[in-house]
């Protein structure tokens, strides 16, 4: 029996254009084992956002796919029914968007953002159980108690990012996908979020209510420096293809593809 994983095999995706069809993913293979931490790296336009959308079962009219997505060994097929049919997959695979405000309800306060996500996805338990989970997550993510009754526009960008992480973790996902989680943050907030992610990856300590097993984590980024301290494996994309898939230490020490070398060479140099 294979190890639990979120995996893509031979995924090709194309979209219609005035001149025909444009292929944005070419025979992509990607595996995120449960309990692992994987960085998906590449320059803007390389296809990493399209791959993320494929994993989240986000459609666009006219798209054509070949290939297979599997969740813990089972082939995933997007149901033709409404969102209720997607609940089991949404609970298992959660995402923190690049813009944390994009997934937040402007009418809800911080605490109910988290409990609301659990209710929407049908997480078992009474309201009090959901609130206890939310309180545990918000506390673990260092969101001050006085912020819990504030709405999204009343909290800082760093707090919104942590709230988005709490909201994604609340259903107890088996896989957590993060899209540029520190993009646009100032250095202090950037370090805070990376420390939180490192803690999640190292011991699963933020995985409330079910801390075991640890979720598989996929971080989409163009910034090797941001993910090197969090991820144990690095996957590099270029032109809609996977061009390198190595341990992060290997990418730091001896990248082989030109795109991978460019990512490594963009790292700040330490003074000698």
C-alpha atoms as a PDB file:
ATOM      1  CA  UNK A   1       0.000   0.000   0.000  1.00  0.00           C
ATOM      2  CA  UNK A   2       1.427   3.386  -1.000  1.00  0.00           C
ATOM      3  CA  UNK A   3       2.029   6.154   1.518  1.00  0.00           C
ATOM      4  CA  UNK A   4      -0.726   8.798   1.805  1.00  0.00           C
ATOM      5  CA  UNK A   5      -0.060  11.664  -0.594  1.00  0.00           C
ATOM      6  CA  UNK A   6      -1.629  14.352  -2.727  1.00  0.00           C
ATOM      7  CA  UNK A   7      -0.284  13.673  -6.184  1.00  0.00           C
ATOM      8  CA  UNK A   8      -0.550  14.746  -9.786  1.00  0.00           C
ATOM      9  CA  UNK A   9       0.502  12.442 -12.626  1.00  0.00           C
ATOM     10  CA  UNK A  10       0.960  13.487 -16.243  1.00  0.00           C
ATOM     11  CA  UNK A  11      -1.134  16.635 -15.881  1.00  0.00           C
ATOM     12  CA  UNK A  12      -1.447  18.723 -19.047  1.00  0.00           C
ATOM     13  CA  UNK A  13      -3.776  21.730 -18.998  1.00  0.00           C
ATOM     14  CA  UNK A  14      -4.688  24.045 -21.866  1.00  0.00           C
ATOM     15  CA  UNK A  15      -7.028  26.983 -22.395  1.00  0.00           C
ATOM     16  CA  UNK A  16      -8.720  28.395 -25.492  1.00  0.00           C
ATOM     17  CA  UNK A  17      -7.356  31.522 -27.148  1.00  0.00           C
ATOM     18  CA  UNK A  18      -8.293  33.450 -30.275  1.00  0.00           C
ATOM     19  CA  UNK A  19      -5.535  31.691 -32.212  1.00  0.00           C
ATOM     20  CA  UNK A  20      -6.275  28.199 -30.888  1.00  0.00           C
ATOM     21  CA  UNK A  21      -5.310  26.635 -27.553  1.00  0.00           C
ATOM     22  CA  UNK A  22      -2.510  27.547 -25.197  1.00  0.00           C
ATOM     23  CA  UNK A  23      -0.947  24.782 -23.110  1.00  0.00           C
ATOM     24  CA  UNK A  24       0.185  26.014 -19.710  1.00  0.00           C
ATOM     25  CA  UNK A  25       1.055  22.695 -18.023  1.00  0.00           C
ATOM     26  CA  UNK A  26       2.986  19.932 -19.794  1.00  0.00           C
ATOM     27  CA  UNK A  27       2.949  16.372 -18.370  1.00  0.00           C
ATOM     28  CA  UNK A  28       3.438  17.561 -14.791  1.00  0.00           C
ATOM     29  CA  UNK A  29       4.164  15.029 -12.032  1.00  0.00           C
ATOM     30  CA  UNK A  30       4.100  16.230  -8.415  1.00  0.00           C
ATOM     31  CA  UNK A  31       3.774  14.357  -5.129  1.00  0.00           C
ATOM     32  CA  UNK A  32       3.195  15.882  -1.686  1.00  0.00           C
ATOM     33  CA  UNK A  33       3.393  13.055   0.875  1.00  0.00           C
ATOM     34  CA  UNK A  34       1.497  13.504   4.116  1.00  0.00           C
ATOM     35  CA  UNK A  35       3.851  14.900   6.738  1.00  0.00           C
ATOM     36  CA  UNK A  36       6.272  16.344   4.174  1.00  0.00           C
ATOM     37  CA  UNK A  37       6.999  19.950   3.225  1.00  0.00           C
ATOM     38  CA  UNK A  38       7.470  20.788  -0.459  1.00  0.00           C
ATOM     39  CA  UNK A  39       8.337  24.107  -2.103  1.00  0.00           C
ATOM     40  CA  UNK A  40       6.978  24.755  -5.598  1.00  0.00           C
ATOM     41  CA  UNK A  41       9.299  27.378  -7.068  1.00  0.00           C
ATOM     42  CA  UNK A  42       9.547  29.295 -10.307  1.00  0.00           C
ATOM     43  CA  UNK A  43       9.395  32.644 -11.989  1.00  0.00           C
ATOM     44  CA  UNK A  44       6.143  34.479 -12.658  1.00  0.00           C
ATOM     45  CA  UNK A  45       4.218  32.793 -15.469  1.00  0.00           C
ATOM     46  CA  UNK A  46       5.938  29.412 -15.126  1.00  0.00           C
ATOM     47  CA  UNK A  47       2.671  27.569 -14.372  1.00  0.00           C
ATOM     48  CA  UNK A  48       2.866  27.146 -10.620  1.00  0.00           C
ATOM     49  CA  UNK A  49      -0.373  29.065  -9.962  1.00  0.00           C
ATOM     50  CA  UNK A  50      -2.173  27.000 -12.614  1.00  0.00           C
ATOM     51  CA  UNK A  51      -0.920  23.819 -10.947  1.00  0.00           C
ATOM     52  CA  UNK A  52      -2.122  25.091  -7.574  1.00  0.00           C
ATOM     53  CA  UNK A  53      -5.577  25.775  -9.042  1.00  0.00           C
ATOM     54  CA  UNK A  54      -5.638  22.269 -10.500  1.00  0.00           C
ATOM     55  CA  UNK A  55      -4.931  20.809  -7.056  1.00  0.00           C
ATOM     56  CA  UNK A  56      -7.728  22.949  -5.620  1.00  0.00           C
ATOM     57  CA  UNK A  57     -10.140  21.778  -8.359  1.00  0.00           C
ATOM     58  CA  UNK A  58     -10.649  25.357  -9.520  1.00  0.00           C
ATOM     59  CA  UNK A  59     -12.036  25.398 -13.034  1.00  0.00           C
ATOM     60  CA  UNK A  60     -11.965  27.936 -15.818  1.00  0.00           C
ATOM     61  CA  UNK A  61     -14.390  27.726 -18.763  1.00  0.00           C
ATOM     62  CA  UNK A  62     -12.979  25.932 -21.768  1.00  0.00           C
ATOM     63  CA  UNK A  63     -10.044  24.294 -20.047  1.00  0.00           C
ATOM     64  CA  UNK A  64      -8.865  20.873 -21.189  1.00  0.00           C
ATOM     65  CA  UNK A  65      -6.997  18.490 -18.895  1.00  0.00           C
ATOM     66  CA  UNK A  66      -5.259  15.187 -19.297  1.00  0.00           C
ATOM     67  CA  UNK A  67      -3.615  13.389 -16.416  1.00  0.00           C
ATOM     68  CA  UNK A  68      -4.675  12.309 -12.951  1.00  0.00           C
ATOM     69  CA  UNK A  69      -4.988  13.822  -9.484  1.00  0.00           C
ATOM     70  CA  UNK A  70      -5.003  11.395  -6.552  1.00  0.00           C
ATOM     71  CA  UNK A  71      -5.785  11.993  -2.895  1.00  0.00           C
ATOM     72  CA  UNK A  72      -4.297   9.274  -0.702  1.00  0.00           C
ATOM     73  CA  UNK A  73      -4.321   6.854  -3.613  1.00  0.00           C
ATOM     74  CA  UNK A  74      -7.859   7.560  -4.828  1.00  0.00           C
ATOM     75  CA  UNK A  75      -8.433   9.254  -8.187  1.00  0.00           C
ATOM     76  CA  UNK A  76     -10.112  12.642  -7.788  1.00  0.00           C
ATOM     77  CA  UNK A  77     -12.811  13.624 -10.245  1.00  0.00           C
ATOM     78  CA  UNK A  78     -14.469  16.980  -9.949  1.00  0.00           C
ATOM     79  CA  UNK A  79     -18.184  16.321  -9.361  1.00  0.00           C
ATOM     80  CA  UNK A  80     -20.743  17.951 -11.622  1.00  0.00           C
ATOM     81  CA  UNK A  81     -22.874  18.730  -8.591  1.00  0.00           C
ATOM     82  CA  UNK A  82     -22.745  21.778  -6.331  1.00  0.00           C
ATOM     83  CA  UNK A  83     -20.178  22.668  -3.721  1.00  0.00           C
ATOM     84  CA  UNK A  84     -21.596  20.200  -1.166  1.00  0.00           C
ATOM     85  CA  UNK A  85     -20.187  17.320  -3.217  1.00  0.00           C
ATOM     86  CA  UNK A  86     -16.732  18.860  -2.878  1.00  0.00           C
ATOM     87  CA  UNK A  87     -16.809  19.091   0.920  1.00  0.00           C
ATOM     88  CA  UNK A  88     -14.740  15.966   1.656  1.00  0.00           C
ATOM     89  CA  UNK A  89     -11.989  17.139  -0.700  1.00  0.00           C
ATOM     90  CA  UNK A  90     -12.132  20.720   0.597  1.00  0.00           C
ATOM     91  CA  UNK A  91     -11.743  19.455   4.161  1.00  0.00           C
ATOM     92  CA  UNK A  92      -8.772  17.316   3.190  1.00  0.00           C
ATOM     93  CA  UNK A  93      -7.035  19.949   1.025  1.00  0.00           C
ATOM     94  CA  UNK A  94      -7.020  23.508   2.338  1.00  0.00           C
ATOM     95  CA  UNK A  95      -5.384  26.606   0.864  1.00  0.00           C
ATOM     96  CA  UNK A  96      -4.016  29.879   2.224  1.00  0.00           C
ATOM     97  CA  UNK A  97      -4.328  32.378  -0.665  1.00  0.00           C
ATOM     98  CA  UNK A  98      -1.665  34.910  -1.562  1.00  0.00           C
ATOM     99  CA  UNK A  99      -4.060  37.693  -0.585  1.00  0.00           C
ATOM    100  CA  UNK A 100      -5.370  36.569   2.822  1.00  0.00           C
ATOM    101  CA  UNK A 101      -8.300  38.984   2.639  1.00  0.00           C
ATOM    102  CA  UNK A 102      -9.565  37.188  -0.472  1.00  0.00           C
ATOM    103  CA  UNK A 103     -10.833  34.253   1.567  1.00  0.00           C
ATOM    104  CA  UNK A 104     -12.222  36.235   4.504  1.00  0.00           C
ATOM    105  CA  UNK A 105     -15.826  37.326   4.989  1.00  0.00           C
ATOM    106  CA  UNK A 106     -15.799  41.098   5.646  1.00  0.00           C
ATOM    107  CA  UNK A 107     -18.961  40.750   7.774  1.00  0.00           C
ATOM    108  CA  UNK A 108     -17.515  38.219  10.230  1.00  0.00           C
ATOM    109  CA  UNK A 109     -15.162  38.843  13.117  1.00  0.00           C
ATOM    110  CA  UNK A 110     -11.892  36.965  13.532  1.00  0.00           C
ATOM    111  CA  UNK A 111     -13.251  34.192  15.759  1.00  0.00           C
ATOM    112  CA  UNK A 112     -16.284  33.487  13.594  1.00  0.00           C
ATOM    113  CA  UNK A 113     -14.102  33.395  10.458  1.00  0.00           C
ATOM    114  CA  UNK A 114     -12.561  30.230  11.889  1.00  0.00           C
ATOM    115  CA  UNK A 115     -15.705  28.645  13.301  1.00  0.00           C
ATOM    116  CA  UNK A 116     -17.594  29.517  10.121  1.00  0.00           C
ATOM    117  CA  UNK A 117     -15.071  27.644   7.989  1.00  0.00           C
ATOM    118  CA  UNK A 118     -15.600  24.540  10.111  1.00  0.00           C
ATOM    119  CA  UNK A 119     -19.382  24.787   9.904  1.00  0.00           C
ATOM    120  CA  UNK A 120     -19.335  25.335   6.136  1.00  0.00           C
ATOM    121  CA  UNK A 121     -17.243  22.210   5.597  1.00  0.00           C
ATOM    122  CA  UNK A 122     -19.341  20.086   7.926  1.00  0.00           C
ATOM    123  CA  UNK A 123     -16.674  19.458  10.569  1.00  0.00           C
ATOM    124  CA  UNK A 124     -18.256  17.265  13.280  1.00  0.00           C
ATOM    125  CA  UNK A 125     -18.889  18.797  16.681  1.00  0.00           C
ATOM    126  CA  UNK A 126     -21.097  21.269  18.476  1.00  0.00           C
ATOM    127  CA  UNK A 127     -20.637  25.025  18.266  1.00  0.00           C
ATOM    128  CA  UNK A 128     -18.712  24.979  21.531  1.00  0.00           C
ATOM    129  CA  UNK A 129     -16.294  22.420  20.075  1.00  0.00           C
ATOM    130  CA  UNK A 130     -15.695  24.588  17.026  1.00  0.00           C
ATOM    131  CA  UNK A 131     -15.101  27.629  19.233  1.00  0.00           C
ATOM    132  CA  UNK A 132     -12.608  25.688  21.352  1.00  0.00           C
ATOM    133  CA  UNK A 133     -10.712  24.694  18.212  1.00  0.00           C
ATOM    134  CA  UNK A 134     -10.750  28.293  16.965  1.00  0.00           C
ATOM    135  CA  UNK A 135      -9.488  29.632  20.286  1.00  0.00           C
ATOM    136  CA  UNK A 136      -6.683  27.075  20.325  1.00  0.00           C
ATOM    137  CA  UNK A 137      -5.568  27.980  16.810  1.00  0.00           C
ATOM    138  CA  UNK A 138      -5.769  31.740  17.273  1.00  0.00           C
ATOM    139  CA  UNK A 139      -3.792  31.451  20.502  1.00  0.00           C
ATOM    140  CA  UNK A 140      -1.172  29.181  18.924  1.00  0.00           C
ATOM    141  CA  UNK A 141      -0.802  31.656  16.056  1.00  0.00           C
ATOM    142  CA  UNK A 142      -0.294  34.554  18.496  1.00  0.00           C
ATOM    143  CA  UNK A 143      -3.346  36.512  17.428  1.00  0.00           C
ATOM    144  CA  UNK A 144      -4.098  38.759  20.423  1.00  0.00           C
ATOM    145  CA  UNK A 145      -7.385  38.064  22.168  1.00  0.00           C
ATOM    146  CA  UNK A 146      -8.511  41.669  21.725  1.00  0.00           C
ATOM    147  CA  UNK A 147      -8.479  41.113  17.942  1.00  0.00           C
ATOM    148  CA  UNK A 148     -10.875  38.178  18.000  1.00  0.00           C
ATOM    149  CA  UNK A 149     -14.001  40.355  17.799  1.00  0.00           C
ATOM    150  CA  UNK A 150     -12.626  42.584  15.064  1.00  0.00           C
ATOM    151  CA  UNK A 151     -13.474  42.330  11.388  1.00  0.00           C
ATOM    152  CA  UNK A 152     -10.826  41.813   8.680  1.00  0.00           C
ATOM    153  CA  UNK A 153     -10.462  45.529   7.869  1.00  0.00           C
ATOM    154  CA  UNK A 154      -9.715  46.222  11.542  1.00  0.00           C
ATOM    155  CA  UNK A 155      -6.636  43.983  11.805  1.00  0.00           C
ATOM    156  CA  UNK A 156      -3.114  44.278  10.390  1.00  0.00           C
ATOM    157  CA  UNK A 157      -1.790  42.496   7.314  1.00  0.00           C
ATOM    158  CA  UNK A 158       0.289  40.138   9.439  1.00  0.00           C
ATOM    159  CA  UNK A 159      -2.728  39.296  11.593  1.00  0.00           C
ATOM    160  CA  UNK A 160      -4.831  38.684   8.477  1.00  0.00           C
ATOM    161  CA  UNK A 161      -2.185  36.252   7.221  1.00  0.00           C
ATOM    162  CA  UNK A 162      -2.207  34.342  10.508  1.00  0.00           C
ATOM    163  CA  UNK A 163      -6.012  34.344  10.508  1.00  0.00           C
ATOM    164  CA  UNK A 164      -6.004  32.838   7.015  1.00  0.00           C
ATOM    165  CA  UNK A 165      -3.656  30.093   8.245  1.00  0.00           C
ATOM    166  CA  UNK A 166      -5.896  29.430  11.272  1.00  0.00           C
ATOM    167  CA  UNK A 167      -8.956  29.273   9.027  1.00  0.00           C
ATOM    168  CA  UNK A 168      -7.250  26.758   6.738  1.00  0.00           C
ATOM    169  CA  UNK A 169      -6.064  24.570   9.626  1.00  0.00           C
ATOM    170  CA  UNK A 170      -9.396  24.548  11.479  1.00  0.00           C
ATOM    171  CA  UNK A 171     -11.012  21.712   9.460  1.00  0.00           C
ATOM    172  CA  UNK A 172      -7.995  19.472  10.193  1.00  0.00           C
ATOM    173  CA  UNK A 173      -6.757  19.162   6.588  1.00  0.00           C
ATOM    174  CA  UNK A 174      -4.445  16.389   5.483  1.00  0.00           C
ATOM    175  CA  UNK A 175      -2.786  18.786   3.034  1.00  0.00           C
ATOM    176  CA  UNK A 176      -2.165  22.512   3.345  1.00  0.00           C
ATOM    177  CA  UNK A 177      -1.341  24.566   0.234  1.00  0.00           C
ATOM    178  CA  UNK A 178       0.057  28.077   0.666  1.00  0.00           C
ATOM    179  CA  UNK A 179       0.345  30.571  -2.189  1.00  0.00           C
ATOM    180  CA  UNK A 180       3.211  33.057  -1.647  1.00  0.00           C
ATOM    181  CA  UNK A 181       2.553  33.134   2.127  1.00  0.00           C
ATOM    182  CA  UNK A 182       5.054  35.919   2.917  1.00  0.00           C
ATOM    183  CA  UNK A 183       4.815  37.963  -0.271  1.00  0.00           C
ATOM    184  CA  UNK A 184       4.276  41.639   0.518  1.00  0.00           C
ATOM    185  CA  UNK A 185       4.962  41.326   4.254  1.00  0.00           C
ATOM    186  CA  UNK A 186       7.541  43.495   5.967  1.00  0.00           C
ATOM    187  CA  UNK A 187      10.672  41.694   7.282  1.00  0.00           C
ATOM    188  CA  UNK A 188       9.393  41.332  10.857  1.00  0.00           C
ATOM    189  CA  UNK A 189       6.025  39.870   9.828  1.00  0.00           C
ATOM    190  CA  UNK A 190       7.752  37.735   7.227  1.00  0.00           C
ATOM    191  CA  UNK A 191       9.936  36.117   9.890  1.00  0.00           C
ATOM    192  CA  UNK A 192       6.912  35.616  12.158  1.00  0.00           C
ATOM    193  CA  UNK A 193       4.951  33.754   9.483  1.00  0.00           C
ATOM    194  CA  UNK A 194       7.959  31.643   8.457  1.00  0.00           C
ATOM    195  CA  UNK A 195       8.562  30.727  12.111  1.00  0.00           C
ATOM    196  CA  UNK A 196       4.914  29.659  12.401  1.00  0.00           C
ATOM    197  CA  UNK A 197       5.167  27.528   9.269  1.00  0.00           C
ATOM    198  CA  UNK A 198       8.428  25.998  10.451  1.00  0.00           C
ATOM    199  CA  UNK A 199       6.719  25.028  13.713  1.00  0.00           C
ATOM    200  CA  UNK A 200       3.848  23.445  11.798  1.00  0.00           C
ATOM    201  CA  UNK A 201       6.209  21.476   9.572  1.00  0.00           C
ATOM    202  CA  UNK A 202       8.511  20.399  12.400  1.00  0.00           C
ATOM    203  CA  UNK A 203       5.973  19.041  14.851  1.00  0.00           C
ATOM    204  CA  UNK A 204       2.456  19.664  13.602  1.00  0.00           C
ATOM    205  CA  UNK A 205       1.866  21.646  16.768  1.00  0.00           C
ATOM    206  CA  UNK A 206      -0.701  23.927  15.124  1.00  0.00           C
ATOM    207  CA  UNK A 207      -2.790  21.142  13.639  1.00  0.00           C
ATOM    208  CA  UNK A 208      -5.889  21.489  15.755  1.00  0.00           C
ATOM    209  CA  UNK A 209      -8.010  19.464  16.331  1.00  0.00           C
ATOM    210  CA  UNK A 210      -6.039  16.466  15.011  1.00  0.00           C
ATOM    211  CA  UNK A 211      -2.281  16.974  15.405  1.00  0.00           C
ATOM    212  CA  UNK A 212      -1.369  13.522  14.113  1.00  0.00           C
ATOM    213  CA  UNK A 213      -0.435  12.788  11.420  1.00  0.00           C
ATOM    214  CA  UNK A 214       1.120  16.033  10.285  1.00  0.00           C
ATOM    215  CA  UNK A 215      -0.346  17.485   7.099  1.00  0.00           C
ATOM    216  CA  UNK A 216       1.544  17.576   3.854  1.00  0.00           C
ATOM    217  CA  UNK A 217       2.541  21.177   3.149  1.00  0.00           C
ATOM    218  CA  UNK A 218       3.023  22.691  -0.320  1.00  0.00           C
ATOM    219  CA  UNK A 219       4.348  26.256  -0.441  1.00  0.00           C
ATOM    220  CA  UNK A 220       4.144  28.047  -3.789  1.00  0.00           C
ATOM    221  CA  UNK A 221       6.781  30.758  -4.072  1.00  0.00           C
ATOM    222  CA  UNK A 222       9.275  32.526  -6.313  1.00  0.00           C
ATOM    223  CA  UNK A 223      11.561  33.100  -3.316  1.00  0.00           C
ATOM    224  CA  UNK A 224      13.966  30.303  -2.407  1.00  0.00           C
ATOM    225  CA  UNK A 225      15.177  32.164   0.683  1.00  0.00           C
ATOM    226  CA  UNK A 226      11.644  32.207   2.113  1.00  0.00           C
ATOM    227  CA  UNK A 227      11.044  28.475   1.790  1.00  0.00           C
ATOM    228  CA  UNK A 228      14.528  27.082   2.398  1.00  0.00           C
ATOM    229  CA  UNK A 229      14.055  27.164   6.174  1.00  0.00           C
ATOM    230  CA  UNK A 230      10.645  25.471   6.001  1.00  0.00           C
ATOM    231  CA  UNK A 231      10.629  22.914   3.170  1.00  0.00           C
ATOM    232  CA  UNK A 232      12.653  19.703   2.928  1.00  0.00           C
ATOM    233  CA  UNK A 233      12.065  19.312  -0.818  1.00  0.00           C
ATOM    234  CA  UNK A 234      12.126  21.808  -3.684  1.00  0.00           C
ATOM    235  CA  UNK A 235      10.339  21.452  -7.024  1.00  0.00           C
ATOM    236  CA  UNK A 236      11.219  23.989  -9.726  1.00  0.00           C
ATOM    237  CA  UNK A 237       8.925  24.836 -12.654  1.00  0.00           C
ATOM    238  CA  UNK A 238       9.763  26.541 -15.925  1.00  0.00           C
ATOM    239  CA  UNK A 239       7.553  26.905 -18.996  1.00  0.00           C
ATOM    240  CA  UNK A 240       4.804  24.742 -17.506  1.00  0.00           C
ATOM    241  CA  UNK A 241       7.163  21.832 -16.793  1.00  0.00           C
ATOM    242  CA  UNK A 242       8.881  20.417 -13.719  1.00  0.00           C
ATOM    243  CA  UNK A 243      12.582  20.946 -14.384  1.00  0.00           C
ATOM    244  CA  UNK A 244      14.056  20.040 -10.999  1.00  0.00           C
ATOM    245  CA  UNK A 245      12.816  18.007  -8.019  1.00  0.00           C
ATOM    246  CA  UNK A 246      15.440  17.657  -5.302  1.00  0.00           C
ATOM    247  CA  UNK A 247      15.992  18.004  -1.558  1.00  0.00           C
ATOM    248  CA  UNK A 248      16.149  21.700  -0.688  1.00  0.00           C
ATOM    249  CA  UNK A 249      19.776  21.316   0.357  1.00  0.00           C
ATOM    250  CA  UNK A 250      20.560  20.022  -3.139  1.00  0.00           C
ATOM    251  CA  UNK A 251      18.974  23.081  -4.727  1.00  0.00           C
ATOM    252  CA  UNK A 252      20.985  25.339  -2.443  1.00  0.00           C
ATOM    253  CA  UNK A 253      24.280  23.557  -3.077  1.00  0.00           C
ATOM    254  CA  UNK A 254      24.240  22.253  -6.652  1.00  0.00           C
ATOM    255  CA  UNK A 255      21.245  23.189  -8.830  1.00  0.00           C
ATOM    256  CA  UNK A 256      21.393  21.793 -12.367  1.00  0.00           C
ATOM    257  CA  UNK A 257      18.707  23.580 -14.417  1.00  0.00           C
ATOM    258  CA  UNK A 258      19.314  27.246 -15.381  1.00  0.00           C
ATOM    259  CA  UNK A 259      16.072  28.347 -13.688  1.00  0.00           C
ATOM    260  CA  UNK A 260      17.069  26.544 -10.495  1.00  0.00           C
ATOM    261  CA  UNK A 261      20.515  28.132 -10.619  1.00  0.00           C
ATOM    262  CA  UNK A 262      18.931  31.564 -11.068  1.00  0.00           C
ATOM    263  CA  UNK A 263      16.803  31.015  -7.959  1.00  0.00           C
ATOM    264  CA  UNK A 264      19.868  29.972  -5.982  1.00  0.00           C
ATOM    265  CA  UNK A 265      21.974  32.839  -7.311  1.00  0.00           C
ATOM    266  CA  UNK A 266      19.293  35.350  -6.292  1.00  0.00           C
ATOM    267  CA  UNK A 267      19.855  34.495  -2.634  1.00  0.00           C
ATOM    268  CA  UNK A 268      21.537  37.273  -0.636  1.00  0.00           C
ATOM    269  CA  UNK A 269      25.247  36.667  -0.167  1.00  0.00           C
ATOM    270  CA  UNK A 270      26.671  36.483   3.328  1.00  0.00           C
ATOM    271  CA  UNK A 271      29.733  38.688   3.912  1.00  0.00           C
ATOM    272  CA  UNK A 272      33.022  36.800   3.959  1.00  0.00           C
END
